[in-house]
Every structure is written in C-alpha cells, then in structure tokens.
C-alpha cells in the first residue's frame, strides 16, 4: 500500500450535506409511557445512520415535551405534521391507549393517508385476520383505534421488538437492517433498503480501513526506522480482517432484510457471512436464515409453486427430480438443483381423471397408472388423459424441430412409459373396437413431436394414425409399464397380480413366463420389486417381493397410532426406501438389506399431500394444490417413534409417557447416537429399534435411565441401582455386581435416599445422582469401585426421577462440574474433579431454589474476552437467569419478555436458550436475553403440558419430542446449519445476490 493511496483515502473524510430546512422527512409519534427512553435514543440513531456525500442529512421531528404535559401544544404539533413527508408510528401497548398518539395518527390519515405512514412495532402485537381480510381488533394490542378502524389492507411494519428488549441494542445485529428499512422510504420511492444498508456498511468499512491504513503507514515508517517490519505486517493483517469483518456483517444484515421476501437469498447470504467470519452477528444471521422459514417438519427442504397457477394432478420421479401433469392439460418438469419448475402449456382440453388418479396415489390395487412418465433427465414427458396421451419435450428441440408438445388420440390408454434416454415412448391401451389390450412403442429420437401422425392419418383407425415402431397384444389389463435392462419392458396387471417381461424392440414375450404378484402390491419404478404393507395397529411392516427370484425382505415402518389409514405408495429401485402415506402425513422407511440399522422419517409440512414419489437416493417429493414439496432423507437423521402406549395420550387423554433423552458422539464428524427412555419402560435406540430386557427380568416395564458408555453400548439404570448393558439393539444382560459398585450410597446410607434419579455421562465417567443428591462416580468401563460423595440434602429426598421433574441435574460438557437444583432447596454445584480425587467437600451454594438448571461451558466471545463456565436457571418465578459457576456476583436476569413455557434447553454452539411457545420453540441469546428466532414444532404434550425433557440439546443436535415421536433432524452447529441453509436455498450464490460493496468469493459457499 503506497503513501499516495493512504493520502487519497484520508482526504475523502468530509461532513455530509446539511439537512433540509424547509420541513421534516418524518414525524416520529410515540408513547412516552412505553418508549419514553427508547424513542429519543432510536431517533438519534436514525439521524446518524445514512451519512453520505451530497445526500442531505435526515430531519426527523421528535416531540420531547409531550401533549400529555402541555395539551396547548397541539397547534404547534399540527404545524410539524403539516411540514412532514412521513409519519413514523412507534406501535406499542402504550401507543394503542394514548389519546395523543391517536390524535396524531387520525390527523395523518385525514390529511395524508396510510401510504406515507410507517409502522415500527416496539411492543405488543399486530394481528391480521386473513379470513376477514382486516385487522384482528381483539388480538391486536399495539395500534391506536383510528388506524385499526381505517386500515383496509394487511400492513407491513418494521419489528423493533428485538432491539427494544435488549439492553445493548445499539450493538444488535438487526440494528442496521431495521434502521435501513425505515430510512429507505424517506430517501425516495426508488431507494431500496438494500441500497441504504450497503451504503451504511460501506461507510463503516471505509472508515475502518482508513484507520487501519493510517496505522499501517505509521507502522511502515516505524518499521523502517527500527529496521523491522513486524508491526507493519500486523497492521496490514488487521486492516484485511477489518474489511473482511465489515463485509461479513453486511452480508448478515442484508440476509435479515431480505429474509421475508426472498428466503433462498437470505440463506445464501447468511452462509457467505459465516464462512467469512464466525461471530455473534453472523451466527445469529445464519440461525435465523435457517429457522425463520423452517417448517414443523425439519426434513421438508422447501416447497415451490408451479408457475402460471397450474394445479398439479400427478408427479413421477426422474433421476434428478420430478415430472408431472396438471389439471389443465400442461406438463411440468422440476429438477430441484436447477431452480424453479418449468411448464409446457397444453393446447387441448384439460386432463380428465384417469382411474384413481384423483385419489392422490399413483398406483396400487384398483388404480390405473402410472399416468405420467419421463426420461431420466425429465426432458421428455408423457401423460395419460381421457382421450389419449400428451407428449412434451423440455430443453433443446431436435434439429429442425418446431413443436414442443403434441397429443396422440388414443382413447382407452391406461399406462405410459418413457425410456431413460427419452428415445422411445411406450403406451398401453384397450382397443374399444376389438376389446383387446395392446402395447405399442413409438420412436421419439431425433424427430419433431408434431409429425408423429402419418400424412393420411385422418383416413386411418385411431391406433393406426400413430407411427408405431412395434405393436403387440396382451391378455393383461395393463396398469404399469417400465423399461428394464437388456432392452426389456416389464408389463404389469396389478388387479390380476400378473407381470410379464417383453422385448423392448418387438414387444413380444421373452422366455421368462408370467410372474404372479403379491396381492395389493405397489411396484418400484422398474417393476423389479413390489412392496406390500401389513399393519395391526401396533406395528406396520413393509415387505419387499423381488419378482426375479421370489425373494422377500421385511422391515418395520413405525407409523404413529394417531396417523390413520397407512398405505404403501412407493418403493425405490434400489429398494432402500419405502413410502407409506397416511391421512396425517408420509412415513419414509429405510429397508436396505445387509444392515441392522433402519431409519424412519415422518414427513409433513404441506396440506393434503398427493402423488408422493421417491426421488434419487435421499429425497421425497409430492404434489399438493399446485405446489411441489421436497423432503430430504439424507445423512443419518431419522425419527424415533412414540411407544405404543403413547397413542392414546396423543389423542387428548392425559397421562402419556414422558421421555428421558441421551446422545453420544465419539468424534465431531461421526453421527451421534440417540437413546429415548420412556417412563412406561420402553427404551428405543435410534436406528436400532426397541430394547428388550432379558426374559423374566424383574425390571420389565420399569423406567430406565439411559447413559451411553461408548458409541455401541448403552447403560440402562433402574431407580434402585440395578443396570443393564445393551449391545446394539438388545440388552446383553444384567450388569453383575453393579449394585455393589454404588453400595455405599444406596445400601449404607439412609434408605429414603436410595433411589437413582439421574444418570449422566461425562467425558470420562458415569455419574449417578440419588434422591438426596449423593453422587456416585464410576469409570465408563465400570471396572473400578465407584466414588461416593454425600449430597448436601442430608437424608431428606428432594430430587425426583427425571421423568417426573426433569431439568434438576446438569453436567458440564467437560465433566468438571455437576449442578443440582433440589426441590425447595438452594441450588448447588459439585466439583467433579475434586470428587474424583476422593475429596468429600465438593459442594458450593450457587443460588436459591430454582425449577431447572443447565450448565454451559467456557468460551471466548466476539471481543475475545474469556467467558467462564456458567449456569442458566429457570426460577420459581419463571424468570431465566445467568450466573458464573465460580466467583462472586449476583445472577443476571435475562429479559425474556412475553409468555413462554418452562421448557429450558441450552444450545451450546450458538449459545441460545430454548423455551416453548405453545407448540413452537422460542430461542433467546444467552448473553442478552434477546429473542433471536423461533422454530415451528408439534410438541407432544401428554396431559396438555409440555415438559423440560421434551426438548434436548446435545452433541450438535436438537431432539424434540413431537406428536409422532422424537425428531432428530434439527441441528444447531455451524457446519450443520450451513449444510441445511444450502439445501433449503436449492441453488448456488451469484454475484447479483451480493449487496453493494461485497464481491462474491472465488470459492463461494453452497457450491457443489
């Protein structure tokens, strides 16, 4: 960097243009009761936000006196309103009840109209009734009456509540975005929020860079004078870091701004921000980009609208996505990795229903289908209608081609198929004149679709007008066609349960005789395998039948009892997944051979899913009301189903089982093991199924505390200290001598204390806690005599098992401390390292009685100041507080406004606290108490009350007990959220996505 460049940057500093003098850009109306301190502070931020050369400073009027103190000021206030271009209303409960705010708003609506009224919500709620198309006057608590009465369209407002609730709001990552939202309209109708935001952060970047360059220049001179360049190099690095940090913060702030209107771009920008810099601002942007549009189903990547308001009737899988037909005679193609769906408009009458096509399932007993088929790349699509077959071509036309779509008049068509390379169309139909079933093939390679009919076609019979390459008769009522290997075609009659193999060239039968199909079976796309389903109310089993050798394979496919009418609808060609449809959602089950690990995904998130199909190796797609939904079954995720007894409770009956959850991840890159132990004695291990205790076990039906010994073994501890060790998905037997290991705590202490209420795994040990908070520390191999440390409660039991009172025992990530929150007793922390050394005086009082406690590990903040290990507690007054594990100091209350339930889970990666908000989860920043996002869920609440153990955070994942089981698909580590955001965006970033002042990196994130 030369001195000339340094000087040129230094000379650019100058005051921005003076503010306008003929009036005000805006009048800020607010309630002194609600925002008396916040409004003036925010007003100052607005005035200072958009400082640019040759752009006048903003002039925004703020009444600091108040009509309430001096009502005679109204004439002066009215003159200020007359000279203002916009009215900024700070909406709040106080503003809603303030007659003076109402007077200002009423004047504005009478003289200016709603088009120049900007609403900024600081507290309360604004609720729009979508059904009545009006403000919900009962639920809305933040708007004054004149606005509620006169607004005639759904309002847009800037949400200031995240800033209003935070003590250090001037440093909140949302601050630049919300300021830009309010400043942009004041600068003119053609000025965008992104433009204002980019200019602001570019100004910050220039100022920061100038300071760095000055320091660097001074450093160069200093280095030259002392013969060393270390200082200059260090300052150059700092300058580069400052530029990179400002770019990352601009990306994160822009992500927040565009989140509502363009979630895909918001996700891409947030990923770019975190890849450049991982700090509180960028990680918050990433978390919100992932969760802001997160459905209750974490496996639902996204839904897309079919263009031009067409209504999808059926879809079929291709190698890369889906093809479909609409109710209006159009053809659709969608490859999720290439962008939005594309449509070929039809020129004929709308498609009619074909067999059972309207039922939402493509094939099965008594149905005709498939009614749509496509080549492997989806370029050629064929669909059945009442009059014949519509054939369309996406992508480039063949040389000399002029038509993308044609119709083949062939009444009685029952099934179609397109070869993978798109060169041949296969059709099955019933000849109305002869009453015979026929099959025909048409060569599509290199020809225009419009010339499929011969020149003299008008004088020929309907089937002769088609340029068939081959035709043949069959005795089968053909319901399915599929092209196989070795140039064969499989022809199936589902109703008769018969399949035959024919030559693709001649359509004549091969030497293989007809094969009998199982009753009610559904085929894979190639017809090589057929799936049936058996359900007895408690279990649902999918059986695969391979037609070539008659072999079968079965796999459990757990369907929640509250999900009614299960029916298998699809199986993929790799026979690794089956798809079961119910009235409540879809269930995808892994059925691969050669492994004991089977996974289940419960899929929902759109209404009335129809035509579900399996795509590729890890995706599911379904059409619904003109939309296509895409789910992912990739990686190691899957759901743990509810135990059988939970079905009754889920329908509304109280007293259903509660869960204790446990995870174990040996290495950060390895999958985490998940165990769910229900209070009815059922124990399930993710991917392995239900654990069954040895025959004749006296502990059958008793609740068992799960604690992982290693990646393959789980220890199940009974309340009286017995234990079973699992190997895979079964219990290897009673752990002989285990009760002797904890004898000093259980046998030689007071019998009232002799109940194990919690079992926790630390980094090296297993820690059991009894009802009197006595500690039993064992090595993970269970080889050494346990250490026993008496609890601080004497002989009075004040701890109940986790199923009854969850959240009262917590262990630090590094296993150094354990916190206990006894009922009606002070909060205590035990030094486990001291206990391991045999010391007994290990307990420290850390607060008063609380309902729940969590421990979070030490970390470094964005300012690189060390944060000690801390306690997050839920008090008896429902307040959440933060305190250090050691040292003096009172607890710091986290300002969590609003009404939230008592679920308390801590996400140690982004340092967030989760509390339940109805069936959803609300997340709050641990440092500030600020709400940073929410996650839609379907929390399972036996007896109507969500419990603390219904949410569990550990080993980089979030486990949530939902109405269908335990969902493991939510993740919160940076890398996992990056992968999720990229998958949800469905595309790679481009230079056009970048805000002004930020260039796309050479290796952008979200790139394959």
Foldseek 3Di string as FASTA:
>chain_A
DDPVVLVVLVVVDDFAAAADDQAALEEEFEFCVQCVPPVVVVVVCLQPQQTDHPAHGHGYDYDNPDCVNPVVCVVVVVVNLVRYQAYEYAFELRCQPDVVNVVSVLVCCVPPNPPRYAYEYQYADWDADPVVQATPVVRGRGHHPVCRVPDRHDDDHHYCNLLNLFPPSVPALQVLQSSLVVVQVSRDPVGDSLNSSQSRLVVVLSVLLSVLVVQLVVLVVVCVVVVHNPSNVVSVVVNVLSNLLSQLSSLLNVLVNCCVVALLLSLQSLLQSVVSPDAQSSLLSLVCSLFVPQFQANQFLDKAFFPPQFAWQAWAAAQQGIKTATQAGKIWDDRLLPDHIDIDDDDDGGFDDAFVSNVQFCDWARGADDQKEAANRRQWIWGAGQQAIKIAGDDDDFVPADDGIDGQGDGAWRYWYAYNVRQKIKTWGQDPVVRWIKIFMAGDPRDHPVPQFDPPLVPDDSVNRGPTQEMDTDPAPFRYWAADPPQKIWTDRLNQQKIFIAHNRHRHGDPDDIFGHDHGWEAARRRQKTWFWDDDLQWIKIKIAGRPPRDIFMDTFDFFSVFDDWGWRYAHPQRQWTWIDTQAFIKIKGGDPDDLFIAIATDDRDPPWGNWYDHHDFWIWTGDSSMIIIGGRDDQFHFDFDHSQQRVLLVPAFDHWDWFKDWDDPDLVGDIKIWIWTQQGWIATHRNGTEDADPPDPCRRHTWAWEDLHRAKIWTAGQQQWIFIDGRRYTPHTPPCRCVLCCCPCPVADVLFRTFQHWYDAPFWIWTQTQQRWIWTAGSVNPDRTQIAGHPRHSDGQGHHCRVQNAQWEAERNRQKIWGQGHQAFIKIFGVVVSVVVDHPGIDGDGGHFRHKYWAAWDAHPVRDTDHIKMWTQHPVRWIWIDHPDDDDDTHTASQDDDFADAWEAARASGWTWTHDQQKIWIAHPVTNRTSHIHHHAARDRVRDGHNSQWYHDSFFIWHQHSGGIGTSGGSHSVSSSVSSLSSSSYRDDQVSRRPPDGADPDRRSDD
